[in-house]
């Protein structure tokens, strides 16, 4: 059974930075297509950034392009999301997701519990 545990969420001022981490246990992170999703209060969950299983393909939500960077640390079995120049509209609960077959899917097989990111104006 794969388990995903996110960390790194915090309260930060607009323009600040955070790095989210997703620790993967139960299997190797490079066996899965991985992604970061977020859900703001009263809104639907959306895909923020995804990485293919090979690690060669990435995808970003248009509004975070140039500010967020997804990466994977195979040695530590972790998925990372570096978030720079944060904006109040980035405020949400951020979830890590993993799927053996589908890339950037909202119905990914495994999900973490989420970590809260709050950006003050």
Protein backbone atom coordinates (compact mmCIF):
# COMPACT_ATOMS: atom_id res chain seq x y z
CA UNK A 1 0.00 0.00 0.00
CA UNK A 2 1.43 3.34 -1.07
CA UNK A 3 1.26 6.18 1.43
CA UNK A 4 1.83 9.85 0.67
CA UNK A 5 2.55 12.42 3.38
CA UNK A 6 2.77 16.10 2.52
CA UNK A 7 4.60 18.73 4.53
CA UNK A 8 5.81 22.28 4.14
CA UNK A 9 2.58 24.21 4.11
CA UNK A 10 2.57 27.44 6.09
CA UNK A 11 1.34 31.02 6.34
CA UNK A 12 3.45 33.29 4.15
CA UNK A 13 3.23 36.85 2.89
CA UNK A 14 2.52 37.66 -0.71
CA UNK A 15 5.74 37.38 -2.73
CA UNK A 16 7.19 34.79 -0.40
CA UNK A 17 8.29 31.23 -1.07
CA UNK A 18 7.51 27.77 0.23
CA UNK A 19 8.70 24.29 -0.63
CA UNK A 20 6.24 21.46 -0.31
CA UNK A 21 7.41 17.91 0.16
CA UNK A 22 5.59 14.62 -0.38
CA UNK A 23 7.18 11.61 1.25
CA UNK A 24 6.32 8.36 -0.51
CA UNK A 25 6.34 5.03 1.30
CA UNK A 26 5.34 1.53 0.26
CA UNK A 27 6.83 1.77 -3.21
CA UNK A 28 9.30 3.75 -5.28
CA UNK A 29 8.28 7.23 -6.32
CA UNK A 30 9.62 6.61 -9.84
CA UNK A 31 7.04 3.86 -10.34
CA UNK A 32 4.28 6.47 -10.47
CA UNK A 33 3.11 9.51 -12.33
CA UNK A 34 3.03 12.13 -9.58
CA UNK A 35 1.21 15.38 -9.16
CA UNK A 36 0.35 18.29 -6.93
CA UNK A 37 -3.26 19.35 -6.73
CA UNK A 38 -4.92 22.08 -4.70
CA UNK A 39 -8.36 22.91 -3.44
CA UNK A 40 -9.29 26.36 -2.24
CA UNK A 41 -12.27 26.90 0.03
CA UNK A 42 -15.48 26.70 -1.97
CA UNK A 43 -13.71 25.73 -5.18
CA UNK A 44 -13.06 22.52 -7.06
CA UNK A 45 -9.78 20.72 -6.83
CA UNK A 46 -7.35 21.58 -9.63
CA UNK A 47 -4.09 20.15 -10.89
CA UNK A 48 -1.20 22.48 -10.09
CA UNK A 49 1.74 20.55 -11.47
CA UNK A 50 2.41 17.00 -12.59
CA UNK A 51 5.37 14.84 -13.50
CA UNK A 52 5.31 11.72 -15.63
CA UNK A 53 6.60 8.43 -14.30
CA UNK A 54 9.77 8.76 -16.36
CA UNK A 55 10.29 12.24 -14.98
CA UNK A 56 10.83 13.61 -18.46
CA UNK A 57 7.47 15.32 -18.82
CA UNK A 58 6.00 18.01 -16.59
CA UNK A 59 2.84 20.07 -16.70
CA UNK A 60 1.85 23.28 -14.92
CA UNK A 61 -1.34 25.16 -14.29
CA UNK A 62 -1.12 28.31 -16.40
CA UNK A 63 -1.34 30.63 -13.40
CA UNK A 64 1.71 29.08 -11.70
CA UNK A 65 4.01 28.81 -14.70
CA UNK A 66 7.31 30.54 -14.02
CA UNK A 67 6.66 30.57 -10.27
CA UNK A 68 6.34 26.90 -9.29
CA UNK A 69 8.75 24.07 -10.04
CA UNK A 70 8.01 20.38 -9.57
CA UNK A 71 10.84 17.95 -8.96
CA UNK A 72 11.47 14.45 -7.70
CA UNK A 73 14.18 13.15 -5.38
CA UNK A 74 14.44 9.46 -6.17
CA UNK A 75 17.09 8.88 -3.49
CA UNK A 76 14.80 10.23 -0.78
CA UNK A 77 11.65 8.87 -2.46
CA UNK A 78 10.01 12.28 -2.43
CA UNK A 79 8.12 14.65 -4.67
CA UNK A 80 8.77 18.36 -4.24
CA UNK A 81 7.09 21.60 -5.23
CA UNK A 82 9.06 24.83 -5.03
CA UNK A 83 6.67 27.77 -4.93
CA UNK A 84 8.04 31.27 -5.45
CA UNK A 85 6.38 34.66 -5.68
CA UNK A 86 3.31 33.35 -3.94
CA UNK A 87 0.04 35.18 -4.36
CA UNK A 88 -3.10 35.27 -2.20
CA UNK A 89 -4.91 33.26 -4.88
CA UNK A 90 -2.48 30.39 -4.26
CA UNK A 91 -4.10 29.88 -0.86
CA UNK A 92 -5.44 26.34 -0.71
CA UNK A 93 -4.92 22.88 0.66
CA UNK A 94 -2.26 21.21 -1.47
CA UNK A 95 -2.41 17.47 -2.09
CA UNK A 96 0.15 15.05 -3.45
CA UNK A 97 -1.16 12.30 -5.74
CA UNK A 98 0.27 9.20 -7.38
CA UNK A 99 -0.99 6.95 -10.14
CA UNK A 100 0.72 4.02 -11.76
CA UNK A 101 -0.84 4.59 -15.16
CA UNK A 102 -2.51 7.97 -15.52
CA UNK A 103 -0.73 11.31 -15.74
CA UNK A 104 -2.12 14.34 -13.95
CA UNK A 105 -5.39 12.61 -13.18
CA UNK A 106 -7.90 13.98 -10.73
CA UNK A 107 -8.81 10.39 -9.96
CA UNK A 108 -5.27 9.32 -9.12
CA UNK A 109 -4.97 6.08 -7.24
CA UNK A 110 -3.26 7.44 -4.11
CA UNK A 111 -3.62 10.75 -2.28
CA UNK A 112 -2.00 12.41 0.68
CA UNK A 113 -3.90 14.13 3.46
CA UNK A 114 -3.00 17.63 2.28
CA UNK A 115 -1.04 20.56 3.63
CA UNK A 116 -2.42 24.07 4.06
CA UNK A 117 -0.81 26.96 2.22
CA UNK A 118 -2.04 30.42 3.17
CA UNK A 119 -0.73 33.54 1.44
CA UNK A 120 -1.55 36.86 3.07
CA UNK A 121 -1.83 40.06 1.05
